[in-house]
């Protein structure tokens, strides 16, 4: 495993403090195609969170909040032209997710 600075570790913890980001990474890791459409990620998030009423809100948050945040550590690669996203991998994120139980979406 590569060496991570305190800032690297703190940044990854802060990224994974959001249920949606953990859900996105787990979904992308399990994808057999390697890359998935934004629509597939939005659909997955909506299935996981019954309180997500507005498809547009989920898609907007995904494009403007969650994917850019995950891209800061290169955990995901987002191609806005093709509307696809691919999991880029991150050893520390992997280790943190392995020790973090999957949970239901938090109540809004």
C-alpha atoms as a PDB file:
ATOM      1  CA  UNK A   1       0.000   0.000   0.000  1.00  0.00           C
ATOM      2  CA  UNK A   2       1.286   3.456  -0.802  1.00  0.00           C
ATOM      3  CA  UNK A   3       2.027   5.877   1.998  1.00  0.00           C
ATOM      4  CA  UNK A   4      -0.703   8.394   2.778  1.00  0.00           C
ATOM      5  CA  UNK A   5      -0.264  11.712   4.546  1.00  0.00           C
ATOM      6  CA  UNK A   6      -2.518  12.776   7.379  1.00  0.00           C
ATOM      7  CA  UNK A   7      -4.261  15.110   4.942  1.00  0.00           C
ATOM      8  CA  UNK A   8      -4.809  12.235   2.482  1.00  0.00           C
ATOM      9  CA  UNK A   9      -6.359  10.111   5.209  1.00  0.00           C
ATOM     10  CA  UNK A  10      -8.553  12.939   6.506  1.00  0.00           C
ATOM     11  CA  UNK A  11      -9.723  13.719   2.972  1.00  0.00           C
ATOM     12  CA  UNK A  12     -10.751  10.118   2.339  1.00  0.00           C
ATOM     13  CA  UNK A  13     -12.606   9.911   5.635  1.00  0.00           C
ATOM     14  CA  UNK A  14     -14.469  13.117   4.791  1.00  0.00           C
ATOM     15  CA  UNK A  15     -15.346  11.803   1.321  1.00  0.00           C
ATOM     16  CA  UNK A  16     -16.694   8.569   2.734  1.00  0.00           C
ATOM     17  CA  UNK A  17     -18.752  10.263   5.431  1.00  0.00           C
ATOM     18  CA  UNK A  18     -21.562  10.599   2.880  1.00  0.00           C
ATOM     19  CA  UNK A  19     -23.713   7.531   2.312  1.00  0.00           C
ATOM     20  CA  UNK A  20     -24.151   8.433  -1.363  1.00  0.00           C
ATOM     21  CA  UNK A  21     -20.412   8.362  -2.047  1.00  0.00           C
ATOM     22  CA  UNK A  22     -19.952   4.998  -0.360  1.00  0.00           C
ATOM     23  CA  UNK A  23     -22.898   3.709  -2.377  1.00  0.00           C
ATOM     24  CA  UNK A  24     -21.467   5.101  -5.637  1.00  0.00           C
ATOM     25  CA  UNK A  25     -18.065   3.517  -5.073  1.00  0.00           C
ATOM     26  CA  UNK A  26     -19.530   0.147  -4.123  1.00  0.00           C
ATOM     27  CA  UNK A  27     -21.769   0.222  -7.198  1.00  0.00           C
ATOM     28  CA  UNK A  28     -18.891   1.102  -9.515  1.00  0.00           C
ATOM     29  CA  UNK A  29     -16.595  -1.524  -7.977  1.00  0.00           C
ATOM     30  CA  UNK A  30     -19.175  -4.221  -8.602  1.00  0.00           C
ATOM     31  CA  UNK A  31     -19.901  -3.155 -12.175  1.00  0.00           C
ATOM     32  CA  UNK A  32     -18.816  -5.803 -14.635  1.00  0.00           C
ATOM     33  CA  UNK A  33     -18.626  -3.383 -17.562  1.00  0.00           C
ATOM     34  CA  UNK A  34     -15.872  -1.231 -16.077  1.00  0.00           C
ATOM     35  CA  UNK A  35     -17.728   1.967 -16.818  1.00  0.00           C
ATOM     36  CA  UNK A  36     -21.379   2.794 -16.292  1.00  0.00           C
ATOM     37  CA  UNK A  37     -23.706   5.511 -17.460  1.00  0.00           C
ATOM     38  CA  UNK A  38     -24.659   8.371 -15.187  1.00  0.00           C
ATOM     39  CA  UNK A  39     -28.262   7.237 -15.609  1.00  0.00           C
ATOM     40  CA  UNK A  40     -27.385   3.820 -14.155  1.00  0.00           C
ATOM     41  CA  UNK A  41     -25.694   5.424 -11.149  1.00  0.00           C
ATOM     42  CA  UNK A  42     -28.696   7.731 -10.601  1.00  0.00           C
ATOM     43  CA  UNK A  43     -31.072   4.756 -10.811  1.00  0.00           C
ATOM     44  CA  UNK A  44     -28.965   2.829  -8.318  1.00  0.00           C
ATOM     45  CA  UNK A  45     -28.903   5.730  -5.863  1.00  0.00           C
ATOM     46  CA  UNK A  46     -32.666   6.151  -6.141  1.00  0.00           C
ATOM     47  CA  UNK A  47     -33.203   2.439  -5.417  1.00  0.00           C
ATOM     48  CA  UNK A  48     -31.012   2.701  -2.329  1.00  0.00           C
ATOM     49  CA  UNK A  49     -32.743   5.777  -0.925  1.00  0.00           C
ATOM     50  CA  UNK A  50     -36.541   5.698  -0.919  1.00  0.00           C
ATOM     51  CA  UNK A  51     -36.602   9.337   0.221  1.00  0.00           C
ATOM     52  CA  UNK A  52     -34.915  10.476  -3.015  1.00  0.00           C
ATOM     53  CA  UNK A  53     -38.062  11.878  -4.609  1.00  0.00           C
ATOM     54  CA  UNK A  54     -36.636  13.902  -7.444  1.00  0.00           C
ATOM     55  CA  UNK A  55     -34.572  12.199 -10.137  1.00  0.00           C
ATOM     56  CA  UNK A  56     -33.186  15.576 -11.177  1.00  0.00           C
ATOM     57  CA  UNK A  57     -31.960  16.337  -7.659  1.00  0.00           C
ATOM     58  CA  UNK A  58     -30.135  13.012  -7.430  1.00  0.00           C
ATOM     59  CA  UNK A  59     -28.555  13.553 -10.865  1.00  0.00           C
ATOM     60  CA  UNK A  60     -27.569  17.133 -10.058  1.00  0.00           C
ATOM     61  CA  UNK A  61     -25.981  16.148  -6.749  1.00  0.00           C
ATOM     62  CA  UNK A  62     -24.161  13.301  -8.467  1.00  0.00           C
ATOM     63  CA  UNK A  63     -22.722  15.506 -11.232  1.00  0.00           C
ATOM     64  CA  UNK A  64     -21.997  18.612  -9.195  1.00  0.00           C
ATOM     65  CA  UNK A  65     -21.121  17.288  -5.747  1.00  0.00           C
ATOM     66  CA  UNK A  66     -20.349  13.584  -5.424  1.00  0.00           C
ATOM     67  CA  UNK A  67     -18.434  12.818  -8.632  1.00  0.00           C
ATOM     68  CA  UNK A  68     -16.259  15.953  -8.445  1.00  0.00           C
ATOM     69  CA  UNK A  69     -15.428  15.169  -4.815  1.00  0.00           C
ATOM     70  CA  UNK A  70     -14.508  11.558  -5.623  1.00  0.00           C
ATOM     71  CA  UNK A  71     -12.500  12.749  -8.620  1.00  0.00           C
ATOM     72  CA  UNK A  72     -10.257  14.843  -6.336  1.00  0.00           C
ATOM     73  CA  UNK A  73      -8.592  11.622  -5.207  1.00  0.00           C
ATOM     74  CA  UNK A  74      -8.987   9.991  -8.622  1.00  0.00           C
ATOM     75  CA  UNK A  75     -11.339   7.373  -7.159  1.00  0.00           C
ATOM     76  CA  UNK A  76     -13.616   7.919 -10.142  1.00  0.00           C
ATOM     77  CA  UNK A  77     -13.168   9.081 -13.694  1.00  0.00           C
ATOM     78  CA  UNK A  78     -16.147  11.012 -15.039  1.00  0.00           C
ATOM     79  CA  UNK A  79     -16.488  11.655 -18.758  1.00  0.00           C
ATOM     80  CA  UNK A  80     -19.095  14.373 -19.179  1.00  0.00           C
ATOM     81  CA  UNK A  81     -19.104  14.012 -22.973  1.00  0.00           C
ATOM     82  CA  UNK A  82     -20.167  10.362 -22.886  1.00  0.00           C
ATOM     83  CA  UNK A  83     -22.010  10.675 -19.556  1.00  0.00           C
ATOM     84  CA  UNK A  84     -20.094   7.712 -18.138  1.00  0.00           C
ATOM     85  CA  UNK A  85     -18.209   7.099 -14.939  1.00  0.00           C
ATOM     86  CA  UNK A  86     -15.536   4.526 -14.112  1.00  0.00           C
ATOM     87  CA  UNK A  87     -14.078   3.476 -10.777  1.00  0.00           C
ATOM     88  CA  UNK A  88     -10.403   4.388 -10.657  1.00  0.00           C
ATOM     89  CA  UNK A  89      -9.533   2.559  -7.463  1.00  0.00           C
ATOM     90  CA  UNK A  90      -7.853   3.790  -4.311  1.00  0.00           C
ATOM     91  CA  UNK A  91      -6.150   1.472  -1.821  1.00  0.00           C
ATOM     92  CA  UNK A  92      -7.141   3.423   1.264  1.00  0.00           C
ATOM     93  CA  UNK A  93     -10.736   3.867   0.131  1.00  0.00           C
ATOM     94  CA  UNK A  94     -10.874   0.112  -0.514  1.00  0.00           C
ATOM     95  CA  UNK A  95      -9.544  -0.637   2.965  1.00  0.00           C
ATOM     96  CA  UNK A  96     -11.992   1.773   4.589  1.00  0.00           C
ATOM     97  CA  UNK A  97     -14.962   0.336   2.702  1.00  0.00           C
ATOM     98  CA  UNK A  98     -13.949  -3.212   3.619  1.00  0.00           C
ATOM     99  CA  UNK A  99     -14.171  -2.285   7.289  1.00  0.00           C
ATOM    100  CA  UNK A 100     -17.368  -0.253   6.946  1.00  0.00           C
ATOM    101  CA  UNK A 101     -20.623  -2.183   7.002  1.00  0.00           C
ATOM    102  CA  UNK A 102     -23.158  -1.486   4.289  1.00  0.00           C
ATOM    103  CA  UNK A 103     -26.111   0.345   5.753  1.00  0.00           C
ATOM    104  CA  UNK A 104     -29.456   1.566   4.596  1.00  0.00           C
ATOM    105  CA  UNK A 105     -29.763   5.148   3.439  1.00  0.00           C
ATOM    106  CA  UNK A 106     -30.084   7.601   6.318  1.00  0.00           C
ATOM    107  CA  UNK A 107     -33.466   9.173   6.966  1.00  0.00           C
ATOM    108  CA  UNK A 108     -33.710  12.615   5.432  1.00  0.00           C
END
